[in-house]
Amino acid sequence: MPCREVLLKALIDLGIDESLIVDDARLFGDLKIDSTEAVEVALSLKKASGVSVALNSKSDPRIVDICAIVDAALMREATPQRSVS
């Protein structure tokens, strides 16, 4: 499931109005989630993608930033590592 869909479902499950969940929305500042809810969102992402994402109020990430982090991690995992001899 794409990151955006996972975030959308997790945030709606927390009671966030779907119309507020836009790419530039900040989790803490705009969507008003608390630290416990951030952990729930992070666990949803981990379960769906296998990627751990630290979500904290200090960085207050946007939806688009979170998906960029998850997508980059998945790309690194999918790219074969070349050994240097």
N, C-alpha and C. Protein backbone atom coordinates (compact mmCIF):
# COMPACT_ATOMS: atom_id res chain seq x y z
N MET A 1 0.86 -1.17 0.00
CA MET A 1 0.00 0.00 0.00
C MET A 1 0.91 1.24 0.00
N PRO A 2 0.64 2.19 -0.88
CA PRO A 2 1.45 3.41 -0.93
C PRO A 2 1.42 4.18 0.40
N CYS A 3 2.51 4.85 0.68
CA CYS A 3 2.67 5.60 1.93
C CYS A 3 1.51 6.55 2.18
N ARG A 4 1.11 7.30 1.17
CA ARG A 4 0.04 8.29 1.34
C ARG A 4 -1.25 7.62 1.80
N GLU A 5 -1.54 6.45 1.25
CA GLU A 5 -2.76 5.72 1.64
C GLU A 5 -2.66 5.23 3.08
N VAL A 6 -1.48 4.76 3.47
CA VAL A 6 -1.28 4.30 4.85
C VAL A 6 -1.47 5.47 5.82
N LEU A 7 -0.86 6.61 5.49
CA LEU A 7 -1.01 7.80 6.34
C LEU A 7 -2.47 8.24 6.41
N LEU A 8 -3.12 8.27 5.27
CA LEU A 8 -4.52 8.69 5.22
C LEU A 8 -5.38 7.81 6.13
N LYS A 9 -5.22 6.51 5.99
CA LYS A 9 -6.02 5.59 6.81
C LYS A 9 -5.69 5.75 8.30
N ALA A 10 -4.41 5.83 8.63
CA ALA A 10 -4.02 5.96 10.04
C ALA A 10 -4.56 7.24 10.65
N LEU A 11 -4.49 8.33 9.91
CA LEU A 11 -4.97 9.62 10.43
C LEU A 11 -6.49 9.67 10.53
N ILE A 12 -7.17 9.10 9.56
CA ILE A 12 -8.64 9.04 9.63
C ILE A 12 -9.06 8.18 10.81
N ASP A 13 -8.34 7.07 11.03
CA ASP A 13 -8.64 6.20 12.19
C ASP A 13 -8.47 6.95 13.51
N LEU A 14 -7.62 7.98 13.51
CA LEU A 14 -7.42 8.79 14.72
C LEU A 14 -8.48 9.89 14.85
N GLY A 15 -9.34 9.99 13.86
CA GLY A 15 -10.40 10.99 13.92
C GLY A 15 -10.10 12.29 13.20
N ILE A 16 -9.02 12.31 12.42
CA ILE A 16 -8.67 13.51 11.66
C ILE A 16 -9.58 13.59 10.44
N ASP A 17 -10.14 14.76 10.20
CA ASP A 17 -11.00 14.99 9.04
C ASP A 17 -10.20 14.81 7.76
N GLU A 18 -10.68 13.97 6.87
CA GLU A 18 -9.96 13.65 5.63
C GLU A 18 -9.64 14.91 4.81
N SER A 19 -10.50 15.89 4.86
CA SER A 19 -10.26 17.11 4.06
C SER A 19 -9.04 17.89 4.54
N LEU A 20 -8.59 17.64 5.76
CA LEU A 20 -7.42 18.33 6.31
C LEU A 20 -6.11 17.63 5.94
N ILE A 21 -6.21 16.38 5.48
CA ILE A 21 -5.02 15.57 5.22
C ILE A 21 -4.55 15.81 3.79
N VAL A 22 -3.77 16.87 3.64
CA VAL A 22 -3.21 17.25 2.34
C VAL A 22 -1.69 17.12 2.41
N ASP A 23 -1.04 17.08 1.26
CA ASP A 23 0.41 16.84 1.22
C ASP A 23 1.21 17.80 2.09
N ASP A 24 0.82 19.07 2.14
CA ASP A 24 1.57 20.06 2.90
C ASP A 24 1.15 20.18 4.37
N ALA A 25 0.21 19.35 4.80
CA ALA A 25 -0.25 19.40 6.20
C ALA A 25 0.85 18.89 7.13
N ARG A 26 1.10 19.63 8.18
CA ARG A 26 2.07 19.21 9.21
C ARG A 26 1.31 18.41 10.27
N LEU A 27 1.91 17.30 10.69
CA LEU A 27 1.23 16.39 11.62
C LEU A 27 0.80 17.07 12.91
N PHE A 28 1.72 17.79 13.52
CA PHE A 28 1.43 18.37 14.82
C PHE A 28 0.78 19.76 14.70
N GLY A 29 1.35 20.60 13.86
CA GLY A 29 0.86 21.97 13.73
C GLY A 29 -0.50 22.07 13.06
N ASP A 30 -0.69 21.35 11.96
CA ASP A 30 -1.94 21.45 11.20
C ASP A 30 -2.99 20.42 11.62
N LEU A 31 -2.53 19.18 11.81
CA LEU A 31 -3.48 18.10 12.10
C LEU A 31 -3.69 17.89 13.60
N LYS A 32 -2.87 18.56 14.40
CA LYS A 32 -3.03 18.57 15.86
C LYS A 32 -2.96 17.19 16.51
N ILE A 33 -2.09 16.31 15.97
CA ILE A 33 -1.94 15.02 16.63
C ILE A 33 -1.01 15.19 17.83
N ASP A 34 -1.12 14.28 18.79
CA ASP A 34 -0.23 14.32 19.95
C ASP A 34 0.83 13.22 19.79
N SER A 35 1.72 13.13 20.76
CA SER A 35 2.84 12.19 20.64
C SER A 35 2.38 10.73 20.63
N THR A 36 1.34 10.42 21.36
CA THR A 36 0.81 9.05 21.36
C THR A 36 0.25 8.70 19.99
N GLU A 37 -0.46 9.63 19.40
CA GLU A 37 -1.00 9.41 18.05
C GLU A 37 0.11 9.31 17.02
N ALA A 38 1.19 10.07 17.22
CA ALA A 38 2.34 10.00 16.30
C ALA A 38 2.94 8.60 16.33
N VAL A 39 3.00 8.00 17.51
CA VAL A 39 3.52 6.63 17.63
C VAL A 39 2.61 5.67 16.86
N GLU A 40 1.30 5.85 16.97
CA GLU A 40 0.36 5.00 16.24
C GLU A 40 0.55 5.13 14.74
N VAL A 41 0.75 6.36 14.26
CA VAL A 41 0.98 6.59 12.83
C VAL A 41 2.29 5.92 12.40
N ALA A 42 3.34 6.11 13.19
CA ALA A 42 4.63 5.51 12.87
C ALA A 42 4.54 3.98 12.83
N LEU A 43 3.79 3.40 13.76
CA LEU A 43 3.61 1.94 13.76
C LEU A 43 2.85 1.47 12.53
N SER A 44 1.88 2.23 12.10
CA SER A 44 1.14 1.90 10.88
C SER A 44 2.07 1.89 9.67
N LEU A 45 2.94 2.90 9.60
CA LEU A 45 3.91 2.95 8.50
C LEU A 45 4.88 1.78 8.56
N LYS A 46 5.36 1.46 9.76
CA LYS A 46 6.30 0.35 9.94
C LYS A 46 5.65 -0.97 9.52
N LYS A 47 4.41 -1.16 9.94
CA LYS A 47 3.70 -2.40 9.60
C LYS A 47 3.47 -2.53 8.10
N ALA A 48 3.12 -1.43 7.45
CA ALA A 48 2.80 -1.48 6.02
C ALA A 48 4.04 -1.51 5.12
N SER A 49 5.12 -0.85 5.55
CA SER A 49 6.27 -0.71 4.65
C SER A 49 7.56 -1.32 5.19
N GLY A 50 7.60 -1.57 6.50
CA GLY A 50 8.82 -2.06 7.10
C GLY A 50 9.81 -0.96 7.42
N VAL A 51 9.41 0.29 7.20
CA VAL A 51 10.30 1.43 7.42
C VAL A 51 9.92 2.12 8.73
N SER A 52 10.93 2.34 9.56
CA SER A 52 10.72 3.08 10.82
C SER A 52 10.92 4.57 10.55
N VAL A 53 9.95 5.36 10.97
CA VAL A 53 10.02 6.81 10.79
C VAL A 53 9.81 7.46 12.15
N ALA A 54 10.74 8.33 12.53
CA ALA A 54 10.60 9.08 13.78
C ALA A 54 9.72 10.30 13.52
N LEU A 55 8.59 10.35 14.18
CA LEU A 55 7.66 11.48 14.03
C LEU A 55 7.63 12.24 15.34
N ASN A 56 8.15 13.46 15.33
CA ASN A 56 8.15 14.23 16.57
C ASN A 56 7.74 15.67 16.30
N SER A 57 7.29 16.31 17.35
CA SER A 57 6.75 17.67 17.21
C SER A 57 7.84 18.69 16.89
N LYS A 58 9.08 18.39 17.24
CA LYS A 58 10.17 19.32 16.96
C LYS A 58 10.37 19.51 15.46
N SER A 59 10.36 18.40 14.71
CA SER A 59 10.53 18.50 13.25
C SER A 59 9.19 18.74 12.56
N ASP A 60 8.09 18.36 13.19
CA ASP A 60 6.73 18.53 12.67
C ASP A 60 6.66 18.29 11.15
N PRO A 61 6.88 17.04 10.73
CA PRO A 61 6.95 16.76 9.30
C PRO A 61 5.60 16.91 8.58
N ARG A 62 5.71 17.24 7.30
CA ARG A 62 4.53 17.29 6.44
C ARG A 62 4.27 15.89 5.90
N ILE A 63 3.06 15.66 5.45
CA ILE A 63 2.70 14.37 4.84
C ILE A 63 3.68 14.03 3.72
N VAL A 64 3.93 14.98 2.85
CA VAL A 64 4.81 14.76 1.70
C VAL A 64 6.24 14.42 2.15
N ASP A 65 6.70 15.01 3.25
CA ASP A 65 8.04 14.71 3.77
C ASP A 65 8.13 13.28 4.29
N ILE A 66 7.10 12.86 4.99
CA ILE A 66 7.07 11.51 5.54
C ILE A 66 7.12 10.49 4.41
N CYS A 67 6.32 10.71 3.38
CA CYS A 67 6.30 9.78 2.25
C CYS A 67 7.64 9.78 1.51
N ALA A 68 8.29 10.92 1.42
CA ALA A 68 9.61 10.98 0.78
C ALA A 68 10.62 10.15 1.56
N ILE A 69 10.56 10.21 2.89
CA ILE A 69 11.46 9.42 3.74
C ILE A 69 11.21 7.93 3.53
N VAL A 70 9.94 7.53 3.56
CA VAL A 70 9.58 6.12 3.38
C VAL A 70 9.99 5.65 1.99
N ASP A 71 9.67 6.43 0.96
CA ASP A 71 10.02 6.03 -0.41
C ASP A 71 11.52 5.91 -0.61
N ALA A 72 12.29 6.84 -0.03
CA ALA A 72 13.75 6.78 -0.14
C ALA A 72 14.30 5.53 0.55
N ALA A 73 13.76 5.20 1.71
CA ALA A 73 14.21 4.00 2.43
C ALA A 73 13.90 2.74 1.63
N LEU A 74 12.73 2.71 1.03
CA LEU A 74 12.35 1.54 0.23
C LEU A 74 13.23 1.43 -1.02
N MET A 75 13.59 2.56 -1.61
CA MET A 75 14.47 2.54 -2.78
C MET A 75 15.86 2.02 -2.41
N ARG A 76 16.37 2.45 -1.24
CA ARG A 76 17.69 1.97 -0.79
C ARG A 76 17.66 0.46 -0.60
N GLU A 77 16.57 -0.05 -0.04
CA GLU A 77 16.45 -1.49 0.19
C GLU A 77 16.36 -2.26 -1.12
N ALA A 78 15.75 -1.65 -2.13
CA ALA A 78 15.55 -2.34 -3.41
C ALA A 78 16.77 -2.26 -4.32
N THR A 79 17.68 -1.34 -4.04
CA THR A 79 18.86 -1.17 -4.87
C THR A 79 19.94 -2.13 -4.43
N PRO A 80 20.40 -2.98 -5.35
CA PRO A 80 21.47 -3.92 -4.97
C PRO A 80 22.73 -3.17 -4.61
N GLN A 81 23.39 -3.63 -3.56
CA GLN A 81 24.63 -3.02 -3.11
C GLN A 81 25.79 -3.62 -3.91
N ARG A 82 26.65 -2.73 -4.40
CA ARG A 82 27.83 -3.21 -5.12
C ARG A 82 28.99 -3.27 -4.14
N SER A 83 29.70 -4.34 -4.22
CA SER A 83 30.88 -4.43 -3.35
C SER A 83 32.08 -3.89 -4.11
N VAL A 84 32.95 -3.23 -3.39
CA VAL A 84 34.14 -2.65 -3.98
C VAL A 84 35.31 -3.55 -3.60
N SER A 85 36.07 -3.96 -4.64
CA SER A 85 37.21 -4.82 -4.33
C SER A 85 38.51 -4.15 -4.67
